[in-house]
């Protein structure tokens, strides 16, 4: 399988589909983005930095973190 062209350098890759966005002819559990989950040890984004996947601000329960080029809530995973 080839890597998805939309994955950015350093973006975590989905281990299930290896970045293709498909598994067994269907959309993968990554939602077809091909990106993997935000690492557990990812540092927090700058104070007030919104999630680039959903646009919501960080909260104490769901902080926005930086994982390479991904800036997202942990709950949004590697979503764009």
PDB file of N, CA and C in Angstrom:
ATOM      1  N   UNK A   1       0.836  -1.197   0.000  1.00  0.00           N
ATOM      2  CA  UNK A   1       0.000   0.000   0.000  1.00  0.00           C
ATOM      3  C   UNK A   1       0.873   1.249   0.000  1.00  0.00           C
ATOM      4  N   UNK A   2       0.451   2.246  -0.707  1.00  0.00           N
ATOM      5  CA  UNK A   2       1.219   3.483  -0.711  1.00  0.00           C
ATOM      6  C   UNK A   2       0.721   4.397   0.402  1.00  0.00           C
ATOM      7  N   UNK A   3       1.600   5.270   0.849  1.00  0.00           N
ATOM      8  CA  UNK A   3       1.230   6.228   1.891  1.00  0.00           C
ATOM      9  C   UNK A   3       0.292   7.274   1.301  1.00  0.00           C
ATOM     10  N   UNK A   4      -0.620   7.762   2.121  1.00  0.00           N
ATOM     11  CA  UNK A   4      -1.535   8.810   1.676  1.00  0.00           C
ATOM     12  C   UNK A   4      -0.754  10.082   1.404  1.00  0.00           C
ATOM     13  N   UNK A   5      -1.003  10.689   0.283  1.00  0.00           N
ATOM     14  CA  UNK A   5      -0.268  11.897  -0.093  1.00  0.00           C
ATOM     15  C   UNK A   5      -0.590  13.074   0.813  1.00  0.00           C
ATOM     16  N   UNK A   6      -1.718  13.018   1.529  1.00  0.00           N
ATOM     17  CA  UNK A   6      -2.102  14.143   2.386  1.00  0.00           C
ATOM     18  C   UNK A   6      -1.447  14.105   3.764  1.00  0.00           C
ATOM     19  N   UNK A   7      -0.774  13.019   4.136  1.00  0.00           N
ATOM     20  CA  UNK A   7      -0.076  12.998   5.421  1.00  0.00           C
ATOM     21  C   UNK A   7       1.098  13.957   5.364  1.00  0.00           C
ATOM     22  N   UNK A   8       1.228  14.753   6.406  1.00  0.00           N
ATOM     23  CA  UNK A   8       2.307  15.720   6.473  1.00  0.00           C
ATOM     24  C   UNK A   8       3.557  15.074   7.054  1.00  0.00           C
ATOM     25  N   UNK A   9       4.743  15.584   6.719  1.00  0.00           N
ATOM     26  CA  UNK A   9       5.972  15.022   7.287  1.00  0.00           C
ATOM     27  C   UNK A   9       5.912  15.033   8.809  1.00  0.00           C
ATOM     28  N   UNK A  10       6.201  13.914   9.424  1.00  0.00           N
ATOM     29  CA  UNK A  10       6.183  13.812  10.873  1.00  0.00           C
ATOM     30  C   UNK A  10       4.832  13.501  11.473  1.00  0.00           C
ATOM     31  N   UNK A  11       3.769  13.479  10.670  1.00  0.00           N
ATOM     32  CA  UNK A  11       2.437  13.177  11.190  1.00  0.00           C
ATOM     33  C   UNK A  11       2.362  11.700  11.552  1.00  0.00           C
ATOM     34  N   UNK A  12       1.810  11.373  12.737  1.00  0.00           N
ATOM     35  CA  UNK A  12       1.696   9.961  13.104  1.00  0.00           C
ATOM     36  C   UNK A  12       0.874   9.196  12.065  1.00  0.00           C
ATOM     37  N   UNK A  13       1.309   7.982  11.738  1.00  0.00           N
ATOM     38  CA  UNK A  13       0.637   7.159  10.738  1.00  0.00           C
ATOM     39  C   UNK A  13      -0.239   6.122  11.432  1.00  0.00           C
ATOM     40  N   UNK A  14      -1.428   5.923  10.908  1.00  0.00           N
ATOM     41  CA  UNK A  14      -2.339   4.907  11.431  1.00  0.00           C
ATOM     42  C   UNK A  14      -1.696   3.543  11.253  1.00  0.00           C
ATOM     43  N   UNK A  15      -1.609   2.779  12.347  1.00  0.00           N
ATOM     44  CA  UNK A  15      -0.992   1.456  12.264  1.00  0.00           C
ATOM     45  C   UNK A  15      -1.892   0.437  11.577  1.00  0.00           C
ATOM     46  N   UNK A  16      -3.188   0.672  11.578  1.00  0.00           N
ATOM     47  CA  UNK A  16      -4.121  -0.276  10.977  1.00  0.00           C
ATOM     48  C   UNK A  16      -4.021  -0.284   9.457  1.00  0.00           C
ATOM     49  N   UNK A  17      -3.997   0.912   8.846  1.00  0.00           N
ATOM     50  CA  UNK A  17      -3.986   0.988   7.380  1.00  0.00           C
ATOM     51  C   UNK A  17      -2.650   1.446   6.812  1.00  0.00           C
ATOM     52  N   UNK A  18      -1.689   1.716   7.689  1.00  0.00           N
ATOM     53  CA  UNK A  18      -0.352   2.191   7.288  1.00  0.00           C
ATOM     54  C   UNK A  18      -0.408   3.471   6.472  1.00  0.00           C
ATOM     55  N   UNK A  19      -1.431   4.298   6.728  1.00  0.00           N
ATOM     56  CA  UNK A  19      -1.520   5.603   6.088  1.00  0.00           C
ATOM     57  C   UNK A  19      -2.345   5.656   4.820  1.00  0.00           C
ATOM     58  N   UNK A  20      -2.893   4.540   4.389  1.00  0.00           N
ATOM     59  CA  UNK A  20      -3.651   4.549   3.132  1.00  0.00           C
ATOM     60  C   UNK A  20      -5.071   5.072   3.309  1.00  0.00           C
ATOM     61  N   UNK A  21      -5.613   4.963   4.534  1.00  0.00           N
ATOM     62  CA  UNK A  21      -6.983   5.403   4.782  1.00  0.00           C
ATOM     63  C   UNK A  21      -8.014   4.315   4.530  1.00  0.00           C
ATOM     64  N   UNK A  22      -7.574   3.156   4.017  1.00  0.00           N
ATOM     65  CA  UNK A  22      -8.490   2.038   3.739  1.00  0.00           C
ATOM     66  C   UNK A  22      -7.964   0.754   4.355  1.00  0.00           C
ATOM     67  N   UNK A  23      -8.883  -0.114   4.733  1.00  0.00           N
ATOM     68  CA  UNK A  23      -8.527  -1.438   5.232  1.00  0.00           C
ATOM     69  C   UNK A  23      -9.553  -2.415   4.683  1.00  0.00           C
ATOM     70  N   UNK A  24      -9.095  -3.413   3.981  1.00  0.00           N
ATOM     71  CA  UNK A  24      -9.963  -4.428   3.392  1.00  0.00           C
ATOM     72  C   UNK A  24     -11.047  -3.824   2.506  1.00  0.00           C
ATOM     73  N   UNK A  25     -10.689  -2.804   1.721  1.00  0.00           N
ATOM     74  CA  UNK A  25     -11.631  -2.188   0.792  1.00  0.00           C
ATOM     75  C   UNK A  25     -12.634  -1.244   1.426  1.00  0.00           C
ATOM     76  N   UNK A  26     -12.472  -0.958   2.701  1.00  0.00           N
ATOM     77  CA  UNK A  26     -13.384  -0.054   3.410  1.00  0.00           C
ATOM     78  C   UNK A  26     -12.604   1.083   4.048  1.00  0.00           C
ATOM     79  N   UNK A  27     -13.311   2.123   4.431  1.00  0.00           N
ATOM     80  CA  UNK A  27     -12.675   3.222   5.152  1.00  0.00           C
ATOM     81  C   UNK A  27     -12.160   2.694   6.480  1.00  0.00           C
ATOM     82  N   UNK A  28     -10.926   3.015   6.795  1.00  0.00           N
ATOM     83  CA  UNK A  28     -10.270   2.546   8.010  1.00  0.00           C
ATOM     84  C   UNK A  28     -10.857   3.217   9.254  1.00  0.00           C
ATOM     85  N   UNK A  29     -10.519   2.657  10.421  1.00  0.00           N
ATOM     86  CA  UNK A  29     -10.961   3.237  11.692  1.00  0.00           C
ATOM     87  C   UNK A  29     -10.421   4.648  11.901  1.00  0.00           C
ATOM     88  N   UNK A  30      -9.394   5.042  11.156  1.00  0.00           N
ATOM     89  CA  UNK A  30      -8.854   6.402  11.265  1.00  0.00           C
ATOM     90  C   UNK A  30      -9.738   7.408  10.534  1.00  0.00           C
ATOM     91  N   UNK A  31     -10.846   6.948  10.002  1.00  0.00           N
ATOM     92  CA  UNK A  31     -11.762   7.833   9.291  1.00  0.00           C
ATOM     93  C   UNK A  31     -11.342   8.109   7.867  1.00  0.00           C
ATOM     94  N   UNK A  32     -10.339   7.388   7.375  1.00  0.00           N
ATOM     95  CA  UNK A  32      -9.861   7.588   6.021  1.00  0.00           C
ATOM     96  C   UNK A  32      -8.751   8.606   5.915  1.00  0.00           C
ATOM     97  N   UNK A  33      -8.344   9.194   7.058  1.00  0.00           N
ATOM     98  CA  UNK A  33      -7.281  10.197   7.026  1.00  0.00           C
ATOM     99  C   UNK A  33      -5.893   9.578   6.948  1.00  0.00           C
ATOM    100  N   UNK A  34      -5.761   8.340   7.410  1.00  0.00           N
ATOM    101  CA  UNK A  34      -4.463   7.679   7.379  1.00  0.00           C
ATOM    102  C   UNK A  34      -3.532   8.095   8.492  1.00  0.00           C
ATOM    103  N   UNK A  35      -3.989   8.983   9.363  1.00  0.00           N
ATOM    104  CA  UNK A  35      -3.138   9.442  10.453  1.00  0.00           C
ATOM    105  C   UNK A  35      -3.431   8.670  11.727  1.00  0.00           C
ATOM    106  N   UNK A  36      -2.409   8.535  12.550  1.00  0.00           N
ATOM    107  CA  UNK A  36      -2.525   7.775  13.777  1.00  0.00           C
ATOM    108  C   UNK A  36      -2.889   8.644  14.963  1.00  0.00           C
ATOM    109  N   UNK A  37      -2.990   8.033  16.118  1.00  0.00           N
ATOM    110  CA  UNK A  37      -3.345   8.775  17.325  1.00  0.00           C
ATOM    111  C   UNK A  37      -2.223   9.705  17.783  1.00  0.00           C
ATOM    112  N   UNK A  38      -2.603  10.741  18.470  1.00  0.00           N
ATOM    113  CA  UNK A  38      -1.624  11.655  19.049  1.00  0.00           C
ATOM    114  C   UNK A  38      -0.886  10.902  20.153  1.00  0.00           C
ATOM    115  N   UNK A  39       0.450  10.926  20.164  1.00  0.00           N
ATOM    116  CA  UNK A  39       1.195  10.203  21.193  1.00  0.00           C
ATOM    117  C   UNK A  39       0.845  10.683  22.604  1.00  0.00           C
ATOM    118  N   UNK A  40       0.855   9.768  23.555  1.00  0.00           N
ATOM    119  CA  UNK A  40       0.500  10.088  24.939  1.00  0.00           C
ATOM    120  C   UNK A  40       1.443  11.105  25.566  1.00  0.00           C
ATOM    121  N   UNK A  41       2.686  11.144  25.108  1.00  0.00           N
ATOM    122  CA  UNK A  41       3.658  12.068  25.695  1.00  0.00           C
ATOM    123  C   UNK A  41       3.808  13.375  24.903  1.00  0.00           C
ATOM    124  N   UNK A  42       2.865  13.660  24.014  1.00  0.00           N
ATOM    125  CA  UNK A  42       2.931  14.887  23.218  1.00  0.00           C
ATOM    126  C   UNK A  42       2.827  16.117  24.129  1.00  0.00           C
ATOM    127  N   UNK A  43       3.632  17.150  23.873  1.00  0.00           N
ATOM    128  CA  UNK A  43       3.576  18.344  24.717  1.00  0.00           C
ATOM    129  C   UNK A  43       2.314  19.166  24.456  1.00  0.00           C
ATOM    130  N   UNK A  44       1.947  19.961  25.441  1.00  0.00           N
ATOM    131  CA  UNK A  44       0.785  20.840  25.301  1.00  0.00           C
ATOM    132  C   UNK A  44       1.060  21.938  24.290  1.00  0.00           C
ATOM    133  N   UNK A  45       0.038  22.341  23.575  1.00  0.00           N
ATOM    134  CA  UNK A  45       0.144  23.458  22.631  1.00  0.00           C
ATOM    135  C   UNK A  45       0.208  24.762  23.434  1.00  0.00           C
ATOM    136  N   UNK A  46       0.496  25.848  22.761  1.00  0.00           N
ATOM    137  CA  UNK A  46       0.525  27.159  23.410  1.00  0.00           C
ATOM    138  C   UNK A  46      -0.828  27.438  24.064  1.00  0.00           C
ATOM    139  N   UNK A  47      -0.808  28.173  25.156  1.00  0.00           N
ATOM    140  CA  UNK A  47      -2.035  28.487  25.898  1.00  0.00           C
ATOM    141  C   UNK A  47      -3.096  29.061  24.972  1.00  0.00           C
ATOM    142  N   UNK A  48      -4.285  28.466  24.996  1.00  0.00           N
ATOM    143  CA  UNK A  48      -5.398  28.957  24.194  1.00  0.00           C
ATOM    144  C   UNK A  48      -5.406  28.491  22.747  1.00  0.00           C
ATOM    145  N   UNK A  49      -4.385  27.764  22.318  1.00  0.00           N
ATOM    146  CA  UNK A  49      -4.312  27.276  20.926  1.00  0.00           C
ATOM    147  C   UNK A  49      -5.493  26.338  20.668  1.00  0.00           C
ATOM    148  N   UNK A  50      -6.325  26.639  19.669  1.00  0.00           N
ATOM    149  CA  UNK A  50      -7.465  25.758  19.392  1.00  0.00           C
ATOM    150  C   UNK A  50      -7.030  24.492  18.662  1.00  0.00           C
ATOM    151  N   UNK A  51      -7.870  23.482  18.734  1.00  0.00           N
ATOM    152  CA  UNK A  51      -7.650  22.229  18.031  1.00  0.00           C
ATOM    153  C   UNK A  51      -7.821  22.481  16.534  1.00  0.00           C
ATOM    154  N   UNK A  52      -6.876  22.024  15.745  1.00  0.00           N
ATOM    155  CA  UNK A  52      -6.962  22.233  14.295  1.00  0.00           C
ATOM    156  C   UNK A  52      -7.879  21.224  13.630  1.00  0.00           C
ATOM    157  N   UNK A  53      -8.306  20.203  14.382  1.00  0.00           N
ATOM    158  CA  UNK A  53      -9.222  19.218  13.821  1.00  0.00           C
ATOM    159  C   UNK A  53     -10.669  19.643  13.990  1.00  0.00           C
ATOM    160  N   UNK A  54     -11.013  20.170  15.183  1.00  0.00           N
ATOM    161  CA  UNK A  54     -12.413  20.501  15.447  1.00  0.00           C
ATOM    162  C   UNK A  54     -12.649  21.981  15.732  1.00  0.00           C
ATOM    163  N   UNK A  55     -11.586  22.731  16.011  1.00  0.00           N
ATOM    164  CA  UNK A  55     -11.722  24.172  16.243  1.00  0.00           C
ATOM    165  C   UNK A  55     -12.047  24.567  17.670  1.00  0.00           C
ATOM    166  N   UNK A  56     -12.317  23.573  18.543  1.00  0.00           N
ATOM    167  CA  UNK A  56     -12.643  23.901  19.935  1.00  0.00           C
ATOM    168  C   UNK A  56     -11.383  24.267  20.710  1.00  0.00           C
ATOM    169  N   UNK A  57     -11.503  25.102  21.741  1.00  0.00           N
ATOM    170  CA  UNK A  57     -10.345  25.448  22.567  1.00  0.00           C
ATOM    171  C   UNK A  57      -9.991  24.298  23.510  1.00  0.00           C
ATOM    172  N   UNK A  58      -8.805  24.343  24.101  1.00  0.00           N
ATOM    173  CA  UNK A  58      -8.425  23.301  25.046  1.00  0.00           C
ATOM    174  C   UNK A  58      -9.208  23.440  26.349  1.00  0.00           C
ATOM    175  N   UNK A  59      -9.352  22.331  27.047  1.00  0.00           N
ATOM    176  CA  UNK A  59      -9.931  22.330  28.393  1.00  0.00           C
ATOM    177  C   UNK A  59      -8.998  21.497  29.267  1.00  0.00           C
ATOM    178  N   UNK A  60      -9.195  21.568  30.567  1.00  0.00           N
ATOM    179  CA  UNK A  60      -8.367  20.778  31.478  1.00  0.00           C
ATOM    180  C   UNK A  60      -8.569  19.285  31.219  1.00  0.00           C
ATOM    181  N   UNK A  61      -9.782  18.899  30.890  1.00  0.00           N
ATOM    182  CA  UNK A  61     -10.089  17.492  30.642  1.00  0.00           C
ATOM    183  C   UNK A  61      -9.661  17.026  29.249  1.00  0.00           C
ATOM    184  N   UNK A  62      -9.543  17.942  28.308  1.00  0.00           N
ATOM    185  CA  UNK A  62      -9.199  17.593  26.925  1.00  0.00           C
ATOM    186  C   UNK A  62      -8.252  18.653  26.357  1.00  0.00           C
ATOM    187  N   UNK A  63      -6.959  18.588  26.750  1.00  0.00           N
ATOM    188  CA  UNK A  63      -6.007  19.593  26.296  1.00  0.00           C
ATOM    189  C   UNK A  63      -5.672  19.457  24.810  1.00  0.00           C
ATOM    190  N   UNK A  64      -5.193  20.534  24.239  1.00  0.00           N
ATOM    191  CA  UNK A  64      -4.691  20.521  22.861  1.00  0.00           C
ATOM    192  C   UNK A  64      -3.193  20.278  22.958  1.00  0.00           C
ATOM    193  N   UNK A  65      -2.710  19.297  22.194  1.00  0.00           N
ATOM    194  CA  UNK A  65      -1.296  18.932  22.228  1.00  0.00           C
ATOM    195  C   UNK A  65      -0.673  19.073  20.839  1.00  0.00           C
ATOM    196  N   UNK A  66       0.653  19.060  20.820  1.00  0.00           N
ATOM    197  CA  UNK A  66       1.412  19.170  19.572  1.00  0.00           C
ATOM    198  C   UNK A  66       2.136  17.854  19.338  1.00  0.00           C
ATOM    199  N   UNK A  67       1.877  17.228  18.202  1.00  0.00           N
ATOM    200  CA  UNK A  67       2.562  15.986  17.825  1.00  0.00           C
ATOM    201  C   UNK A  67       3.059  16.166  16.403  1.00  0.00           C
ATOM    202  N   UNK A  68       4.302  16.645  16.271  1.00  0.00           N
ATOM    203  CA  UNK A  68       4.820  16.966  14.945  1.00  0.00           C
ATOM    204  C   UNK A  68       3.983  18.088  14.364  1.00  0.00           C
ATOM    205  N   UNK A  69       3.447  17.915  13.160  1.00  0.00           N
ATOM    206  CA  UNK A  69       2.625  18.974  12.571  1.00  0.00           C
ATOM    207  C   UNK A  69       1.174  18.956  13.060  1.00  0.00           C
ATOM    208  N   UNK A  70       0.804  17.956  13.869  1.00  0.00           N
ATOM    209  CA  UNK A  70      -0.567  17.830  14.340  1.00  0.00           C
ATOM    210  C   UNK A  70      -0.752  18.628  15.628  1.00  0.00           C
ATOM    211  N   UNK A  71      -1.754  19.519  15.639  1.00  0.00           N
ATOM    212  CA  UNK A  71      -2.123  20.267  16.840  1.00  0.00           C
ATOM    213  C   UNK A  71      -3.593  19.963  17.064  1.00  0.00           C
ATOM    214  N   UNK A  72      -3.864  19.088  18.044  1.00  0.00           N
ATOM    215  CA  UNK A  72      -5.221  18.598  18.218  1.00  0.00           C
ATOM    216  C   UNK A  72      -5.492  18.175  19.654  1.00  0.00           C
ATOM    217  N   UNK A  73      -6.780  18.093  19.994  1.00  0.00           N
ATOM    218  CA  UNK A  73      -7.166  17.492  21.272  1.00  0.00           C
ATOM    219  C   UNK A  73      -6.733  16.038  21.244  1.00  0.00           C
ATOM    220  N   UNK A  74      -6.466  15.492  22.410  1.00  0.00           N
ATOM    221  CA  UNK A  74      -6.174  14.057  22.466  1.00  0.00           C
ATOM    222  C   UNK A  74      -7.383  13.271  21.956  1.00  0.00           C
ATOM    223  N   UNK A  75      -8.591  13.781  22.244  1.00  0.00           N
ATOM    224  CA  UNK A  75      -9.804  13.083  21.827  1.00  0.00           C
ATOM    225  C   UNK A  75     -10.006  13.106  20.313  1.00  0.00           C
ATOM    226  N   UNK A  76      -9.400  14.052  19.625  1.00  0.00           N
ATOM    227  CA  UNK A  76      -9.511  14.126  18.169  1.00  0.00           C
ATOM    228  C   UNK A  76      -8.445  13.248  17.501  1.00  0.00           C
ATOM    229  N   UNK A  77      -7.521  12.736  18.302  1.00  0.00           N
ATOM    230  CA  UNK A  77      -6.479  11.860  17.768  1.00  0.00           C
ATOM    231  C   UNK A  77      -5.654  12.541  16.698  1.00  0.00           C
ATOM    232  N   UNK A  78      -5.361  11.839  15.631  1.00  0.00           N
ATOM    233  CA  UNK A  78      -4.589  12.392  14.528  1.00  0.00           C
ATOM    234  C   UNK A  78      -5.435  13.050  13.470  1.00  0.00           C
ATOM    235  N   UNK A  79      -6.703  13.302  13.817  1.00  0.00           N
ATOM    236  CA  UNK A  79      -7.608  13.907  12.838  1.00  0.00           C
ATOM    237  C   UNK A  79      -7.095  15.248  12.373  1.00  0.00           C
ATOM    238  N   UNK A  80      -7.508  15.602  11.184  1.00  0.00           N
ATOM    239  CA  UNK A  80      -7.080  16.890  10.636  1.00  0.00           C
ATOM    240  C   UNK A  80      -8.102  17.948  10.953  1.00  0.00           C
TER     241      UNK A  80
END
